[in-house]
PDB file of N, CA and C in Angstrom:
ATOM      1  N   UNK A   1    -140.325 110.423-139.233  1.00  0.00           N
ATOM      2  CA  UNK A   1    -140.890 110.300-140.560  1.00  0.00           C
ATOM      3  C   UNK A   1    -139.776 110.104-141.587  1.00  0.00           C
ATOM      4  N   UNK A   2    -138.704 110.865-141.447  1.00  0.00           N
ATOM      5  CA  UNK A   2    -137.596 110.716-142.401  1.00  0.00           C
ATOM      6  C   UNK A   2    -136.998 109.319-142.348  1.00  0.00           C
ATOM      7  N   UNK A   3    -136.814 108.797-141.153  1.00  0.00           N
ATOM      8  CA  UNK A   3    -136.240 107.454-141.012  1.00  0.00           C
ATOM      9  C   UNK A   3    -137.178 106.409-141.613  1.00  0.00           C
ATOM     10  N   UNK A   4    -138.466 106.560-141.408  1.00  0.00           N
ATOM     11  CA  UNK A   4    -139.430 105.621-141.986  1.00  0.00           C
ATOM     12  C   UNK A   4    -139.359 105.630-143.503  1.00  0.00           C
ATOM     13  N   UNK A   5    -139.287 106.815-144.086  1.00  0.00           N
ATOM     14  CA  UNK A   5    -139.204 106.918-145.540  1.00  0.00           C
ATOM     15  C   UNK A   5    -137.904 106.317-146.052  1.00  0.00           C
ATOM     16  N   UNK A   6    -136.811 106.553-145.326  1.00  0.00           N
ATOM     17  CA  UNK A   6    -135.534 105.955-145.719  1.00  0.00           C
ATOM     18  C   UNK A   6    -135.595 104.434-145.638  1.00  0.00           C
ATOM     19  N   UNK A   7    -136.175 103.904-144.563  1.00  0.00           N
ATOM     20  CA  UNK A   7    -136.301 102.448-144.416  1.00  0.00           C
ATOM     21  C   UNK A   7    -137.150 101.840-145.529  1.00  0.00           C
ATOM     22  N   UNK A   8    -138.136 102.570-145.977  1.00  0.00           N
ATOM     23  CA  UNK A   8    -138.991 102.094-147.061  1.00  0.00           C
ATOM     24  C   UNK A   8    -138.396 102.401-148.433  1.00  0.00           C
ATOM     25  N   UNK A   9    -137.228 103.020-148.440  1.00  0.00           N
ATOM     26  CA  UNK A   9    -136.522 103.409-149.662  1.00  0.00           C
ATOM     27  C   UNK A   9    -137.389 104.301-150.558  1.00  0.00           C
ATOM     28  N   UNK A  10    -138.031 105.284-149.903  1.00  0.00           N
ATOM     29  CA  UNK A  10    -138.853 106.253-150.620  1.00  0.00           C
ATOM     30  C   UNK A  10    -138.101 107.577-150.628  1.00  0.00           C
ATOM     31  N   UNK A  11    -137.592 107.989-151.781  1.00  0.00           N
ATOM     32  CA  UNK A  11    -136.885 109.257-151.844  1.00  0.00           C
ATOM     33  C   UNK A  11    -137.876 110.425-151.811  1.00  0.00           C
ATOM     34  N   UNK A  12    -137.472 111.518-151.178  1.00  0.00           N
ATOM     35  CA  UNK A  12    -138.314 112.712-151.108  1.00  0.00           C
ATOM     36  C   UNK A  12    -137.529 113.870-151.702  1.00  0.00           C
ATOM     37  N   UNK A  13    -138.155 114.555-152.634  1.00  0.00           N
ATOM     38  CA  UNK A  13    -137.530 115.719-153.257  1.00  0.00           C
ATOM     39  C   UNK A  13    -138.527 116.861-153.183  1.00  0.00           C
ATOM     40  N   UNK A  14    -138.085 118.007-152.683  1.00  0.00           N
ATOM     41  CA  UNK A  14    -138.954 119.174-152.548  1.00  0.00           C
ATOM     42  C   UNK A  14    -138.662 120.107-153.718  1.00  0.00           C
ATOM     43  N   UNK A  15    -139.707 120.484-154.432  1.00  0.00           N
ATOM     44  CA  UNK A  15    -139.595 121.397-155.562  1.00  0.00           C
ATOM     45  C   UNK A  15    -140.390 122.658-155.284  1.00  0.00           C
ATOM     46  N   UNK A  16    -139.975 123.760-155.875  1.00  0.00           N
ATOM     47  CA  UNK A  16    -140.738 124.996-155.753  1.00  0.00           C
ATOM     48  C   UNK A  16    -140.174 125.929-154.707  1.00  0.00           C
ATOM     49  N   UNK A  17    -140.897 126.994-154.484  1.00  0.00           N
ATOM     50  CA  UNK A  17    -140.479 128.034-153.546  1.00  0.00           C
ATOM     51  C   UNK A  17    -140.571 127.526-152.112  1.00  0.00           C
ATOM     52  N   UNK A  18    -139.795 128.156-151.227  1.00  0.00           N
ATOM     53  CA  UNK A  18    -139.881 127.818-149.808  1.00  0.00           C
ATOM     54  C   UNK A  18    -141.256 128.188-149.283  1.00  0.00           C
ATOM     55  N   UNK A  19    -141.756 127.423-148.316  1.00  0.00           N
ATOM     56  CA  UNK A  19    -143.086 127.737-147.773  1.00  0.00           C
ATOM     57  C   UNK A  19    -143.094 129.086-147.066  1.00  0.00           C
ATOM     58  N   UNK A  20    -144.258 129.647-147.005  1.00  0.00           N
ATOM     59  CA  UNK A  20    -144.463 130.917-146.323  1.00  0.00           C
ATOM     60  C   UNK A  20    -144.138 130.777-144.841  1.00  0.00           C
ATOM     61  N   UNK A  21    -143.691 131.849-144.236  1.00  0.00           N
ATOM     62  CA  UNK A  21    -143.468 131.865-142.786  1.00  0.00           C
ATOM     63  C   UNK A  21    -144.785 132.087-142.044  1.00  0.00           C
ATOM     64  N   UNK A  22    -145.822 132.504-142.771  1.00  0.00           N
ATOM     65  CA  UNK A  22    -147.141 132.706-142.179  1.00  0.00           C
ATOM     66  C   UNK A  22    -147.815 131.352-141.958  1.00  0.00           C
ATOM     67  N   UNK A  23    -148.760 131.284-141.027  1.00  0.00           N
ATOM     68  CA  UNK A  23    -149.490 130.028-140.825  1.00  0.00           C
ATOM     69  C   UNK A  23    -150.221 129.613-142.105  1.00  0.00           C
ATOM     70  N   UNK A  24    -150.218 128.330-142.378  1.00  0.00           N
ATOM     71  CA  UNK A  24    -150.907 127.799-143.553  1.00  0.00           C
ATOM     72  C   UNK A  24    -151.684 126.535-143.168  1.00  0.00           C
ATOM     73  N   UNK A  25    -152.634 126.178-144.004  1.00  0.00           N
ATOM     74  CA  UNK A  25    -153.393 124.946-143.829  1.00  0.00           C
ATOM     75  C   UNK A  25    -153.184 124.098-145.080  1.00  0.00           C
ATOM     76  N   UNK A  26    -152.738 122.866-144.896  1.00  0.00           N
ATOM     77  CA  UNK A  26    -152.622 121.917-145.990  1.00  0.00           C
ATOM     78  C   UNK A  26    -153.826 120.989-145.926  1.00  0.00           C
ATOM     79  N   UNK A  27    -154.447 120.757-147.047  1.00  0.00           N
ATOM     80  CA  UNK A  27    -155.554 119.813-147.123  1.00  0.00           C
ATOM     81  C   UNK A  27    -155.130 118.713-148.079  1.00  0.00           C
ATOM     82  N   UNK A  28    -154.982 117.502-147.552  1.00  0.00           N
ATOM     83  CA  UNK A  28    -154.529 116.394-148.383  1.00  0.00           C
ATOM     84  C   UNK A  28    -155.685 115.593-148.938  1.00  0.00           C
ATOM     85  N   UNK A  29    -155.499 115.105-150.149  1.00  0.00           N
ATOM     86  CA  UNK A  29    -156.515 114.230-150.722  1.00  0.00           C
ATOM     87  C   UNK A  29    -156.113 112.766-150.576  1.00  0.00           C
ATOM     88  N   UNK A  30    -155.039 112.514-149.853  1.00  0.00           N
ATOM     89  CA  UNK A  30    -154.574 111.171-149.519  1.00  0.00           C
ATOM     90  C   UNK A  30    -154.518 110.247-150.718  1.00  0.00           C
ATOM     91  N   UNK A  31    -153.640 110.594-151.654  1.00  0.00           N
ATOM     92  CA  UNK A  31    -153.415 109.707-152.792  1.00  0.00           C
ATOM     93  C   UNK A  31    -152.794 108.394-152.336  1.00  0.00           C
ATOM     94  N   UNK A  32    -152.125 108.438-151.189  1.00  0.00           N
ATOM     95  CA  UNK A  32    -151.555 107.225-150.611  1.00  0.00           C
ATOM     96  C   UNK A  32    -151.374 107.458-149.117  1.00  0.00           C
ATOM     97  N   UNK A  33    -150.905 106.433-148.431  1.00  0.00           N
ATOM     98  CA  UNK A  33    -150.628 106.593-147.001  1.00  0.00           C
ATOM     99  C   UNK A  33    -149.277 107.244-146.771  1.00  0.00           C
ATOM    100  N   UNK A  34    -148.548 107.512-147.832  1.00  0.00           N
ATOM    101  CA  UNK A  34    -147.206 108.079-147.708  1.00  0.00           C
ATOM    102  C   UNK A  34    -147.243 109.599-147.578  1.00  0.00           C
ATOM    103  N   UNK A  35    -148.340 110.244-147.940  1.00  0.00           N
ATOM    104  CA  UNK A  35    -148.366 111.698-147.902  1.00  0.00           C
ATOM    105  C   UNK A  35    -148.168 112.261-146.493  1.00  0.00           C
ATOM    106  N   UNK A  36    -148.636 111.566-145.486  1.00  0.00           N
ATOM    107  CA  UNK A  36    -148.481 112.058-144.110  1.00  0.00           C
ATOM    108  C   UNK A  36    -147.014 112.041-143.676  1.00  0.00           C
ATOM    109  N   UNK A  37    -146.288 110.927-143.795  1.00  0.00           N
ATOM    110  CA  UNK A  37    -144.880 110.979-143.414  1.00  0.00           C
ATOM    111  C   UNK A  37    -144.052 111.916-144.288  1.00  0.00           C
ATOM    112  N   UNK A  38    -144.421 112.078-145.548  1.00  0.00           N
ATOM    113  CA  UNK A  38    -143.680 113.013-146.403  1.00  0.00           C
ATOM    114  C   UNK A  38    -143.844 114.431-145.875  1.00  0.00           C
ATOM    115  N   UNK A  39    -145.063 114.843-145.561  1.00  0.00           N
ATOM    116  CA  UNK A  39    -145.273 116.186-144.995  1.00  0.00           C
ATOM    117  C   UNK A  39    -144.530 116.347-143.673  1.00  0.00           C
ATOM    118  N   UNK A  40    -144.563 115.314-142.843  1.00  0.00           N
ATOM    119  CA  UNK A  40    -143.859 115.381-141.560  1.00  0.00           C
ATOM    120  C   UNK A  40    -142.354 115.511-141.752  1.00  0.00           C
ATOM    121  N   UNK A  41    -141.822 114.911-142.813  1.00  0.00           N
ATOM    122  CA  UNK A  41    -140.383 114.923-143.061  1.00  0.00           C
ATOM    123  C   UNK A  41    -139.887 116.274-143.574  1.00  0.00           C
ATOM    124  N   UNK A  42    -140.746 117.017-144.253  1.00  0.00           N
ATOM    125  CA  UNK A  42    -140.267 118.238-144.905  1.00  0.00           C
ATOM    126  C   UNK A  42    -140.806 119.528-144.302  1.00  0.00           C
ATOM    127  N   UNK A  43    -141.774 119.440-143.398  1.00  0.00           N
ATOM    128  CA  UNK A  43    -142.360 120.658-142.833  1.00  0.00           C
ATOM    129  C   UNK A  43    -142.714 120.439-141.365  1.00  0.00           C
ATOM    130  N   UNK A  44    -142.754 121.525-140.641  1.00  0.00           N
ATOM    131  CA  UNK A  44    -143.187 121.471-139.252  1.00  0.00           C
ATOM    132  C   UNK A  44    -144.712 121.541-139.258  1.00  0.00           C
ATOM    133  N   UNK A  45    -145.354 120.384-139.105  1.00  0.00           N
ATOM    134  CA  UNK A  45    -146.804 120.307-139.255  1.00  0.00           C
ATOM    135  C   UNK A  45    -147.445 119.619-138.065  1.00  0.00           C
ATOM    136  N   UNK A  46    -148.723 119.887-137.889  1.00  0.00           N
ATOM    137  CA  UNK A  46    -149.572 119.177-136.936  1.00  0.00           C
ATOM    138  C   UNK A  46    -150.761 118.655-137.722  1.00  0.00           C
ATOM    139  N   UNK A  47    -151.265 117.503-137.327  1.00  0.00           N
ATOM    140  CA  UNK A  47    -152.367 116.886-138.052  1.00  0.00           C
ATOM    141  C   UNK A  47    -153.608 116.825-137.185  1.00  0.00           C
ATOM    142  N   UNK A  48    -154.750 116.877-137.847  1.00  0.00           N
ATOM    143  CA  UNK A  48    -156.043 116.655-137.213  1.00  0.00           C
ATOM    144  C   UNK A  48    -156.577 115.375-137.830  1.00  0.00           C
ATOM    145  N   UNK A  49    -156.894 114.402-136.978  1.00  0.00           N
ATOM    146  CA  UNK A  49    -157.373 113.112-137.474  1.00  0.00           C
ATOM    147  C   UNK A  49    -158.804 112.883-137.022  1.00  0.00           C
ATOM    148  N   UNK A  50    -159.517 112.118-137.801  1.00  0.00           N
ATOM    149  CA  UNK A  50    -160.877 111.793-137.384  1.00  0.00           C
ATOM    150  C   UNK A  50    -160.837 110.804-136.221  1.00  0.00           C
ATOM    151  N   UNK A  51    -161.858 110.850-135.393  1.00  0.00           N
ATOM    152  CA  UNK A  51    -161.892 110.095-134.145  1.00  0.00           C
ATOM    153  C   UNK A  51    -161.755 108.587-134.344  1.00  0.00           C
ATOM    154  N   UNK A  52    -162.266 108.058-135.445  1.00  0.00           N
ATOM    155  CA  UNK A  52    -162.233 106.608-135.653  1.00  0.00           C
ATOM    156  C   UNK A  52    -160.815 106.052-135.750  1.00  0.00           C
ATOM    157  N   UNK A  53    -159.828 106.886-136.063  1.00  0.00           N
ATOM    158  CA  UNK A  53    -158.445 106.401-136.144  1.00  0.00           C
ATOM    159  C   UNK A  53    -157.929 105.920-134.796  1.00  0.00           C
ATOM    160  N   UNK A  54    -158.491 106.411-133.722  1.00  0.00           N
ATOM    161  CA  UNK A  54    -158.041 106.010-132.389  1.00  0.00           C
ATOM    162  C   UNK A  54    -158.187 104.507-132.164  1.00  0.00           C
ATOM    163  N   UNK A  55    -159.138 103.868-132.847  1.00  0.00           N
ATOM    164  CA  UNK A  55    -159.359 102.432-132.657  1.00  0.00           C
ATOM    165  C   UNK A  55    -158.522 101.567-133.606  1.00  0.00           C
ATOM    166  N   UNK A  56    -157.790 102.175-134.538  1.00  0.00           N
ATOM    167  CA  UNK A  56    -156.968 101.414-135.483  1.00  0.00           C
ATOM    168  C   UNK A  56    -155.701 100.914-134.802  1.00  0.00           C
ATOM    169  N   UNK A  57    -155.338  99.663-135.009  1.00  0.00           N
ATOM    170  CA  UNK A  57    -154.071  99.169-134.450  1.00  0.00           C
ATOM    171  C   UNK A  57    -152.898  99.967-135.012  1.00  0.00           C
ATOM    172  N   UNK A  58    -151.916 100.215-134.225  1.00  0.00           N
ATOM    173  CA  UNK A  58    -150.681 100.938-134.549  1.00  0.00           C
ATOM    174  C   UNK A  58    -150.959 102.409-134.855  1.00  0.00           C
ATOM    175  N   UNK A  59    -151.825 102.698-135.805  1.00  0.00           N
ATOM    176  CA  UNK A  59    -152.122 104.084-136.175  1.00  0.00           C
ATOM    177  C   UNK A  59    -152.735 104.827-134.999  1.00  0.00           C
ATOM    178  N   UNK A  60    -153.684 104.205-134.311  1.00  0.00           N
ATOM    179  CA  UNK A  60    -154.327 104.839-133.154  1.00  0.00           C
ATOM    180  C   UNK A  60    -153.317 105.152-132.064  1.00  0.00           C
ATOM    181  N   UNK A  61    -152.425 104.212-131.791  1.00  0.00           N
ATOM    182  CA  UNK A  61    -151.393 104.455-130.774  1.00  0.00           C
ATOM    183  C   UNK A  61    -150.469 105.577-131.203  1.00  0.00           C
ATOM    184  N   UNK A  62    -150.121 105.620-132.482  1.00  0.00           N
ATOM    185  CA  UNK A  62    -149.251 106.694-132.979  1.00  0.00           C
ATOM    186  C   UNK A  62    -149.938 108.049-132.857  1.00  0.00           C
ATOM    187  N   UNK A  63    -151.222 108.113-133.161  1.00  0.00           N
ATOM    188  CA  UNK A  63    -151.966 109.372-133.029  1.00  0.00           C
ATOM    189  C   UNK A  63    -152.005 109.841-131.581  1.00  0.00           C
ATOM    190  N   UNK A  64    -152.243 108.916-130.675  1.00  0.00           N
ATOM    191  CA  UNK A  64    -152.281 109.295-129.254  1.00  0.00           C
ATOM    192  C   UNK A  64    -150.906 109.720-128.774  1.00  0.00           C
ATOM    193  N   UNK A  65    -149.847 109.043-129.221  1.00  0.00           N
ATOM    194  CA  UNK A  65    -148.479 109.375-128.815  1.00  0.00           C
ATOM    195  C   UNK A  65    -148.119 110.780-129.268  1.00  0.00           C
ATOM    196  N   UNK A  66    -148.432 111.134-130.493  1.00  0.00           N
ATOM    197  CA  UNK A  66    -148.084 112.447-131.029  1.00  0.00           C
ATOM    198  C   UNK A  66    -148.817 113.554-130.298  1.00  0.00           C
ATOM    199  N   UNK A  67    -149.979 113.263-129.738  1.00  0.00           N
ATOM    200  CA  UNK A  67    -150.759 114.279-129.038  1.00  0.00           C
ATOM    201  C   UNK A  67    -150.495 114.266-127.537  1.00  0.00           C
ATOM    202  N   UNK A  68    -149.567 113.455-127.105  1.00  0.00           N
ATOM    203  CA  UNK A  68    -149.204 113.434-125.691  1.00  0.00           C
ATOM    204  C   UNK A  68    -150.207 112.739-124.804  1.00  0.00           C
ATOM    205  N   UNK A  69    -151.088 111.912-125.360  1.00  0.00           N
ATOM    206  CA  UNK A  69    -152.111 111.232-124.572  1.00  0.00           C
ATOM    207  C   UNK A  69    -151.582 109.896-124.123  1.00  0.00           C
TER     208      UNK A  69
END
């Protein structure tokens, strides 16, 4: 994710307190397609995707790859 953001010349700056060490749930409103790689670049996260993404070119393969399928 970090390399992708660098290649796209998208700077990432984290502001605020460090995240809790306790488990948390992030709910994104997807202002853009960049929010997913940004979260991946700055936090140890796992994503839950809707089933229809599996049929999308490139995105579907990436989702299956990340889940070990």
